[in-house]
Amino acid sequence: MSGQRTPPVHTWTSGVATDTGLVRDRNEDRYWVDDERGVFLVVDGVGGHAAGELAAETAVEIGRAHV
């Protein structure tokens, strides 16, 4: 026996749900999921601020580019 262990294998199954809430008329939340690699990125939109949905989308794009 070599003393080396086999790393555990993880299997992920994910689901996503977002909601506009009681105040906003649109959802600015964004997410990205890579089940195969076990990467889950959730960005809470900046509701009420100019271009909050753009900020959230940019955060997701940057996250995807660096994973």
N, C-alpha and C. Protein backbone atom coordinates (compact mmCIF):
# COMPACT_ATOMS: atom_id res chain seq x y z
N MET A 1 0.82 -1.18 0.00
CA MET A 1 0.00 0.00 0.00
C MET A 1 0.87 1.25 0.00
N SER A 2 0.57 2.21 -0.85
CA SER A 2 1.41 3.39 -1.00
C SER A 2 1.13 4.46 0.03
N GLY A 3 0.00 4.39 0.74
CA GLY A 3 -0.31 5.42 1.73
C GLY A 3 -1.05 6.61 1.15
N GLN A 4 -1.25 6.61 -0.17
CA GLN A 4 -1.98 7.73 -0.79
C GLN A 4 -3.47 7.42 -0.81
N ARG A 5 -4.24 8.44 -0.51
CA ARG A 5 -5.69 8.28 -0.54
C ARG A 5 -6.27 8.87 -1.81
N THR A 6 -7.32 8.27 -2.26
CA THR A 6 -8.04 8.82 -3.41
C THR A 6 -8.96 9.91 -2.90
N PRO A 7 -8.90 11.11 -3.49
CA PRO A 7 -9.77 12.19 -3.01
C PRO A 7 -11.24 11.82 -3.24
N PRO A 8 -12.10 12.30 -2.35
CA PRO A 8 -13.53 11.98 -2.51
C PRO A 8 -14.08 12.61 -3.79
N VAL A 9 -15.06 11.95 -4.36
CA VAL A 9 -15.72 12.46 -5.55
C VAL A 9 -17.05 13.05 -5.12
N HIS A 10 -17.31 14.28 -5.51
CA HIS A 10 -18.55 14.95 -5.15
C HIS A 10 -19.42 15.10 -6.40
N THR A 11 -20.69 14.90 -6.22
CA THR A 11 -21.66 15.12 -7.27
C THR A 11 -22.61 16.20 -6.80
N TRP A 12 -22.82 17.20 -7.62
CA TRP A 12 -23.68 18.32 -7.26
C TRP A 12 -24.92 18.35 -8.14
N THR A 13 -26.02 18.65 -7.53
CA THR A 13 -27.25 18.96 -8.25
C THR A 13 -27.76 20.25 -7.64
N SER A 14 -28.05 21.21 -8.48
CA SER A 14 -28.43 22.52 -7.94
C SER A 14 -29.75 22.98 -8.53
N GLY A 15 -30.30 23.97 -7.89
CA GLY A 15 -31.51 24.63 -8.37
C GLY A 15 -31.43 26.10 -8.00
N VAL A 16 -32.13 26.92 -8.72
CA VAL A 16 -32.07 28.36 -8.48
C VAL A 16 -33.47 28.93 -8.51
N ALA A 17 -33.73 29.86 -7.60
CA ALA A 17 -34.99 30.60 -7.61
C ALA A 17 -34.70 32.01 -7.13
N THR A 18 -35.24 32.99 -7.80
CA THR A 18 -35.10 34.38 -7.36
C THR A 18 -36.49 35.01 -7.36
N ASP A 19 -36.59 36.16 -6.74
CA ASP A 19 -37.88 36.81 -6.60
C ASP A 19 -37.68 38.33 -6.62
N THR A 20 -38.62 39.04 -7.21
CA THR A 20 -38.51 40.50 -7.26
C THR A 20 -38.76 41.13 -5.90
N GLY A 21 -39.41 40.43 -5.02
CA GLY A 21 -39.74 40.99 -3.72
C GLY A 21 -41.02 41.80 -3.78
N LEU A 22 -41.28 42.56 -2.74
CA LEU A 22 -42.53 43.31 -2.63
C LEU A 22 -42.42 44.74 -3.12
N VAL A 23 -41.21 45.23 -3.37
CA VAL A 23 -41.02 46.64 -3.70
C VAL A 23 -40.68 46.85 -5.18
N ARG A 24 -39.83 46.02 -5.75
CA ARG A 24 -39.34 46.22 -7.11
C ARG A 24 -40.26 45.59 -8.15
N ASP A 25 -40.22 46.13 -9.37
CA ASP A 25 -41.02 45.55 -10.44
C ASP A 25 -40.21 44.66 -11.37
N ARG A 26 -38.91 44.54 -11.12
CA ARG A 26 -38.08 43.63 -11.92
C ARG A 26 -37.01 43.02 -11.03
N ASN A 27 -36.51 41.90 -11.47
CA ASN A 27 -35.53 41.15 -10.70
C ASN A 27 -34.13 41.48 -11.22
N GLU A 28 -33.28 41.97 -10.35
CA GLU A 28 -31.92 42.31 -10.73
C GLU A 28 -30.91 41.27 -10.25
N ASP A 29 -31.38 40.22 -9.60
CA ASP A 29 -30.48 39.16 -9.14
C ASP A 29 -29.93 38.39 -10.34
N ARG A 30 -28.72 37.92 -10.20
CA ARG A 30 -28.09 37.13 -11.25
C ARG A 30 -27.39 35.94 -10.60
N TYR A 31 -27.21 34.88 -11.37
CA TYR A 31 -26.53 33.70 -10.86
C TYR A 31 -25.83 32.98 -11.99
N TRP A 32 -24.90 32.13 -11.62
CA TRP A 32 -24.24 31.24 -12.56
C TRP A 32 -23.89 29.97 -11.80
N VAL A 33 -24.17 28.83 -12.40
CA VAL A 33 -23.93 27.54 -11.77
C VAL A 33 -23.14 26.66 -12.72
N ASP A 34 -22.10 26.06 -12.19
CA ASP A 34 -21.35 25.05 -12.93
C ASP A 34 -21.33 23.80 -12.05
N ASP A 35 -22.39 22.98 -12.19
CA ASP A 35 -22.51 21.77 -11.37
C ASP A 35 -21.30 20.86 -11.52
N GLU A 36 -20.79 20.76 -12.73
CA GLU A 36 -19.68 19.83 -12.99
C GLU A 36 -18.46 20.15 -12.13
N ARG A 37 -18.20 21.44 -11.93
CA ARG A 37 -17.04 21.85 -11.13
C ARG A 37 -17.42 22.25 -9.71
N GLY A 38 -18.71 22.25 -9.40
CA GLY A 38 -19.13 22.63 -8.05
C GLY A 38 -18.97 24.11 -7.77
N VAL A 39 -19.26 24.93 -8.78
CA VAL A 39 -19.13 26.38 -8.63
C VAL A 39 -20.53 27.00 -8.66
N PHE A 40 -20.84 27.79 -7.64
CA PHE A 40 -22.14 28.43 -7.52
C PHE A 40 -21.93 29.90 -7.20
N LEU A 41 -22.36 30.77 -8.08
CA LEU A 41 -22.18 32.21 -7.90
C LEU A 41 -23.56 32.86 -7.87
N VAL A 42 -23.85 33.55 -6.79
CA VAL A 42 -25.12 34.24 -6.64
C VAL A 42 -24.82 35.70 -6.37
N VAL A 43 -25.44 36.59 -7.16
CA VAL A 43 -25.23 38.02 -7.00
C VAL A 43 -26.58 38.67 -6.74
N ASP A 44 -26.70 39.29 -5.59
CA ASP A 44 -27.93 39.98 -5.24
C ASP A 44 -27.93 41.32 -5.97
N GLY A 45 -28.95 41.56 -6.78
CA GLY A 45 -29.04 42.81 -7.53
C GLY A 45 -29.10 44.02 -6.62
N VAL A 46 -28.71 45.14 -7.13
CA VAL A 46 -28.67 46.37 -6.36
C VAL A 46 -29.93 47.17 -6.69
N GLY A 47 -31.07 46.65 -6.25
CA GLY A 47 -32.35 47.26 -6.57
C GLY A 47 -32.44 48.70 -6.08
N GLY A 48 -33.02 49.54 -6.91
CA GLY A 48 -33.18 50.94 -6.55
C GLY A 48 -32.03 51.83 -6.96
N HIS A 49 -30.95 51.24 -7.40
CA HIS A 49 -29.80 52.02 -7.85
C HIS A 49 -29.72 51.97 -9.36
N ALA A 50 -29.16 53.00 -9.95
CA ALA A 50 -29.03 53.05 -11.41
C ALA A 50 -28.20 51.87 -11.90
N ALA A 51 -28.73 51.14 -12.85
CA ALA A 51 -28.04 50.02 -13.50
C ALA A 51 -27.65 48.91 -12.52
N GLY A 52 -28.48 48.66 -11.52
CA GLY A 52 -28.21 47.58 -10.57
C GLY A 52 -28.11 46.23 -11.25
N GLU A 53 -28.98 46.02 -12.27
CA GLU A 53 -28.93 44.75 -13.00
C GLU A 53 -27.64 44.62 -13.80
N LEU A 54 -27.11 45.73 -14.29
CA LEU A 54 -25.84 45.71 -15.02
C LEU A 54 -24.69 45.38 -14.08
N ALA A 55 -24.72 45.93 -12.89
CA ALA A 55 -23.67 45.62 -11.91
C ALA A 55 -23.68 44.14 -11.56
N ALA A 56 -24.88 43.58 -11.37
CA ALA A 56 -24.99 42.16 -11.04
C ALA A 56 -24.51 41.29 -12.20
N GLU A 57 -24.91 41.63 -13.41
CA GLU A 57 -24.51 40.86 -14.59
C GLU A 57 -22.99 40.94 -14.80
N THR A 58 -22.41 42.10 -14.58
CA THR A 58 -20.96 42.27 -14.71
C THR A 58 -20.23 41.40 -13.69
N ALA A 59 -20.75 41.34 -12.48
CA ALA A 59 -20.12 40.51 -11.44
C ALA A 59 -20.13 39.04 -11.85
N VAL A 60 -21.23 38.58 -12.43
CA VAL A 60 -21.31 37.19 -12.90
C VAL A 60 -20.32 36.96 -14.04
N GLU A 61 -20.26 37.87 -14.99
CA GLU A 61 -19.33 37.72 -16.12
C GLU A 61 -17.88 37.65 -15.63
N ILE A 62 -17.52 38.50 -14.70
CA ILE A 62 -16.15 38.49 -14.16
C ILE A 62 -15.88 37.19 -13.42
N GLY A 63 -16.85 36.74 -12.62
CA GLY A 63 -16.69 35.48 -11.91
C GLY A 63 -16.48 34.31 -12.85
N ARG A 64 -17.29 34.25 -13.91
CA ARG A 64 -17.16 33.16 -14.89
C ARG A 64 -15.81 33.19 -15.58
N ALA A 65 -15.32 34.38 -15.88
CA ALA A 65 -14.05 34.52 -16.59
C ALA A 65 -12.85 34.08 -15.74
N HIS A 66 -13.02 34.11 -14.43
CA HIS A 66 -11.88 33.81 -13.56
C HIS A 66 -11.98 32.44 -12.88
N VAL A 67 -12.93 31.64 -13.27
CA VAL A 67 -13.05 30.30 -12.69
C VAL A 67 -12.45 29.29 -13.65
